[in-house]
Protein backbone atom coordinates (compact mmCIF):
# COMPACT_ATOMS: atom_id res chain seq x y z
CA MET A 1 0.05 -0.02 0.17
CA SER A 2 1.48 3.37 -1.00
CA ASP A 3 1.64 6.35 1.44
CA ASN A 4 0.02 8.59 -1.15
CA LYS A 5 -3.38 7.09 -0.68
CA ARG A 6 -4.34 9.56 2.06
CA ALA A 7 -7.32 11.85 1.52
CA VAL A 8 -5.47 14.59 3.14
CA ASP A 9 -1.65 15.04 3.26
CA ARG A 10 -0.10 15.18 6.74
CA THR A 11 1.96 18.17 7.91
CA SER A 12 5.43 17.82 9.55
CA ILE A 13 5.66 19.26 12.85
CA PRO A 14 9.06 21.05 13.42
CA GLU A 15 8.86 20.88 17.29
CA GLU A 16 7.72 18.06 19.49
CA ILE A 17 3.96 18.05 20.47
CA PHE A 18 3.05 15.90 23.40
CA GLY A 19 -0.42 14.29 23.85
CA GLU A 20 -1.82 11.60 25.82
CA VAL A 21 -3.57 8.41 25.15
CA THR A 22 -6.42 6.46 26.94
CA VAL A 23 -5.40 2.79 27.32
CA PHE A 24 -7.68 0.56 29.37
CA GLN A 25 -5.76 -1.31 32.05
CA PRO A 26 -7.06 -4.11 34.36
CA MET A 27 -8.23 -2.94 37.75
CA THR A 28 -10.21 -4.44 40.78
CA ILE A 29 -13.29 -2.66 41.91
CA LEU A 30 -13.38 -2.89 45.85
CA ASP A 31 -16.67 -1.14 46.44
CA MET A 32 -18.73 1.06 44.52
CA SER A 33 -21.89 3.52 44.59
CA GLU A 34 -23.61 5.55 42.08
CA ASN A 35 -21.28 8.45 42.98
CA GLY A 36 -18.02 6.54 42.49
CA ALA A 37 -15.67 3.69 43.46
CA GLN A 38 -12.52 2.51 45.38
CA ILE A 39 -10.41 0.46 42.92
CA GLU A 40 -7.14 -1.28 43.34
CA ALA A 41 -4.74 -1.58 40.47
CA PRO A 42 -0.84 -2.20 40.09
CA TYR A 43 -0.35 1.41 38.93
CA LYS A 44 -0.57 4.83 40.33
CA LEU A 45 -3.28 7.42 39.33
CA GLN A 46 -2.62 11.08 39.52
CA ASN A 47 -4.91 12.99 42.04
CA ASP A 48 -7.41 15.09 40.17
CA SER A 49 -6.83 13.43 36.87
CA LEU A 50 -9.72 12.37 34.70
CA HIS A 51 -10.12 9.00 33.23
CA GLU A 52 -12.63 6.87 31.43
CA PHE A 53 -13.41 3.63 33.49
CA ARG A 54 -14.80 0.62 31.76
CA LEU A 55 -16.93 -1.27 34.37
CA SER A 56 -18.35 -4.81 33.76
CA LEU A 57 -21.53 -5.04 35.65
CA GLY A 58 -22.61 -8.49 35.32
CA GLU A 59 -24.02 -8.84 31.89
CA ARG A 60 -23.69 -5.10 31.30
CA SER A 61 -20.68 -2.94 30.46
CA VAL A 62 -20.60 0.88 30.94
CA ILE A 63 -17.80 3.63 30.47
CA VAL A 64 -17.86 6.38 32.88
CA LYS A 65 -15.46 9.21 33.27
CA GLY A 66 -14.05 9.61 36.90
CA ARG A 67 -12.02 11.89 38.84
CA VAL A 68 -9.09 10.52 41.04
CA VAL A 69 -9.97 11.83 44.32
CA TYR A 70 -7.04 10.03 46.13
CA CYS A 71 -4.39 7.31 45.30
CA GLN A 72 -2.07 5.72 47.85
CA ILE A 73 -0.46 2.30 48.33
CA GLY A 74 -3.01 -0.34 49.44
CA ASP A 75 -0.88 -3.44 49.50
CA ILE A 76 2.12 -5.13 48.43
CA ARG A 77 1.59 -8.82 46.94
CA ASP A 78 4.13 -10.99 45.51
CA GLY A 79 6.66 -8.12 45.30
CA THR A 80 3.95 -6.00 43.39
CA VAL A 81 2.57 -2.66 44.75
CA LEU A 82 -0.99 -2.09 44.66
CA TYR A 83 -2.47 1.14 44.62
CA ARG A 84 -6.08 2.06 46.01
CA SER A 85 -7.80 4.72 44.54
CA GLY A 86 -11.08 6.70 45.24
CA VAL A 87 -12.67 7.64 41.99
CA GLU A 88 -15.53 10.10 41.88
CA PHE A 89 -17.93 9.64 38.60
CA VAL A 90 -18.21 12.70 36.64
CA GLU A 91 -21.50 13.08 34.90
CA PRO A 92 -22.29 9.74 34.29
CA SER A 93 -24.95 9.06 31.26
CA ALA A 94 -28.28 8.13 32.34
CA HIS A 95 -27.76 4.63 30.82
CA ALA A 96 -24.46 4.31 32.91
CA LEU A 97 -26.25 5.57 35.98
CA THR A 98 -28.95 3.16 35.73
CA ALA A 99 -26.65 0.11 35.25
CA ILE A 100 -24.53 1.18 38.22
CA ARG A 101 -27.81 1.80 40.60
CA ASP A 102 -29.12 -1.74 39.40
CA PHE A 103 -25.84 -3.45 40.04
CA VAL A 104 -25.35 -2.01 43.31
CA ALA A 105 -28.82 -2.72 44.38
CA VAL A 106 -28.43 -6.56 43.59
CA HIS A 107 -25.30 -6.78 45.45
CA LYS A 108 -26.08 -4.64 48.35
CA ALA A 109 -25.96 -7.04 51.39
CA PRO A 110 -28.71 -6.57 54.17
CA PRO A 111 -27.04 -5.75 57.61
CA PRO A 112 -26.44 -9.00 59.70
CA SER A 113 -29.32 -9.55 62.13
CA ILE A 114 -28.25 -9.52 65.76
CA ILE A 115 -30.19 -12.15 67.95
CA ASP A 116 -28.96 -12.81 71.71
CA ALA A 117 -25.75 -10.96 70.89
CA GLU A 118 -24.98 -13.22 67.93
CA THR A 119 -24.84 -12.51 64.34
CA THR A 120 -27.09 -14.61 61.97
């Protein structure tokens, strides 16, 4: 294939211009509400940075934008540092919000009953 097949020619840039790319990396969701989530991952996220998060919620999958509220070392397992981050969802779509609410409602555990000072 020839490089001359482009609909529009590219222009060479004389100086370096930097950008960023969104790359989906694996993470573990530790807890979640309709407002945000606490995640664990083998990489550090910058406080106040914005990211897109793909959430696999059972049979549904949604992508939400989130702001990192905090990021700290959570654990060290097998020589790997795991970071815990608090993420605040930013303007989730109605579809994403419904999926998150439904998922949380299904997985919300009722508080244990206490009978005669024993949990049931």
